[in-house]
Structure formats: C-alpha cells, structure tokens
Amino acid sequence: MRPPHGEQTRGVPVSLRVDPDVLAADKAGGPGWQVRMNEALAAGIARGKRRSRAVKRG
C-alpha cells in the first residue's frame, strides 16, 4: 500500500531482469503494478530475515 501523499518515499531507479510471465502477471493487475512488485520483493526479504533468525536460534 502506498503511504499518504507527502509521506511517500522515493524509489531508486534500477534495471532488473524478470521472467516475462512474472512481469505480465504484475502488469495484468493494472495501475500500481510497480508498487505491488516492490511490496512482493520487500515481503520476500522480510521472510528471508525471519528464516535466518530462526536458523541461528535452532
């Protein structure tokens, strides 16, 4: 979800290669696909951090 106007952080432009079907699926969701893709990447990072903490405790 986007923060309210004025609180929005600016993204950093990057060049990223993704599978064509991944891009098509994100774009098929309509406007805001870049935000949704960013949220999915951020969620993956958060899951990875939780896993690494669990492994260190184990």
Protein backbone atom coordinates (compact mmCIF):
# COMPACT_ATOMS: atom_id res chain seq x y z
CA MET A 1 0.00 0.00 0.00
CA ARG A 2 1.20 3.47 -0.78
CA PRO A 3 1.70 5.88 2.07
CA PRO A 4 -0.45 9.00 2.01
CA HIS A 5 0.76 11.76 -0.32
CA GLY A 6 3.60 13.68 1.24
CA GLU A 7 4.84 10.71 3.26
CA GLN A 8 5.85 8.81 0.16
CA THR A 9 9.48 7.79 -0.11
CA ARG A 10 11.08 7.97 -3.50
CA GLY A 11 12.17 4.76 -5.10
CA VAL A 12 15.57 4.27 -6.66
CA PRO A 13 15.53 3.63 -10.41
CA VAL A 14 17.02 0.24 -11.32
CA SER A 15 17.26 -2.04 -14.29
CA LEU A 16 16.02 -5.50 -13.39
CA ARG A 17 15.51 -8.62 -15.48
CA VAL A 18 12.47 -10.72 -14.58
CA ASP A 19 10.75 -13.58 -16.35
CA PRO A 20 8.24 -12.37 -18.95
CA ASP A 21 5.40 -14.23 -17.22
CA VAL A 22 6.21 -12.54 -13.89
CA LEU A 23 6.08 -9.10 -15.49
CA ALA A 24 2.88 -9.92 -17.39
CA ALA A 25 1.19 -11.13 -14.21
CA ASP A 26 2.11 -7.97 -12.32
CA LYS A 27 1.05 -5.67 -15.16
CA ALA A 28 -2.22 -7.57 -15.56
CA GLY A 29 -3.23 -6.22 -12.14
CA GLY A 30 -3.48 -2.75 -13.68
CA PRO A 31 -2.09 0.53 -12.43
CA GLY A 32 0.20 0.27 -9.44
CA TRP A 33 1.98 -2.85 -10.66
CA GLN A 34 5.39 -1.37 -9.79
CA VAL A 35 4.24 -0.76 -6.21
CA ARG A 36 2.89 -4.32 -5.93
CA MET A 37 6.13 -5.74 -7.31
CA ASN A 38 8.12 -3.70 -4.77
CA GLU A 39 5.86 -4.94 -1.96
CA ALA A 40 6.36 -8.55 -3.08
CA LEU A 41 10.14 -8.09 -3.09
CA ALA A 42 10.06 -6.46 0.35
CA ALA A 43 7.92 -9.32 1.71
CA GLY A 44 10.42 -11.85 0.37
CA ILE A 45 13.26 -10.04 2.11
CA ALA A 46 11.30 -9.98 5.38
CA ARG A 47 10.62 -13.74 5.11
CA GLY A 48 14.31 -14.36 4.50
CA LYS A 49 15.29 -12.36 7.57
CA ARG A 50 12.80 -14.28 9.74
CA ARG A 51 14.16 -17.59 8.43
CA SER A 52 17.75 -16.64 9.08
CA ARG A 53 16.91 -15.67 12.68
CA ALA A 54 15.13 -19.00 13.21
CA VAL A 55 18.12 -20.94 11.88
CA LYS A 56 20.53 -19.08 14.17
CA ARG A 57 18.36 -19.91 17.22
CA GLY A 58 17.86 -23.55 16.20
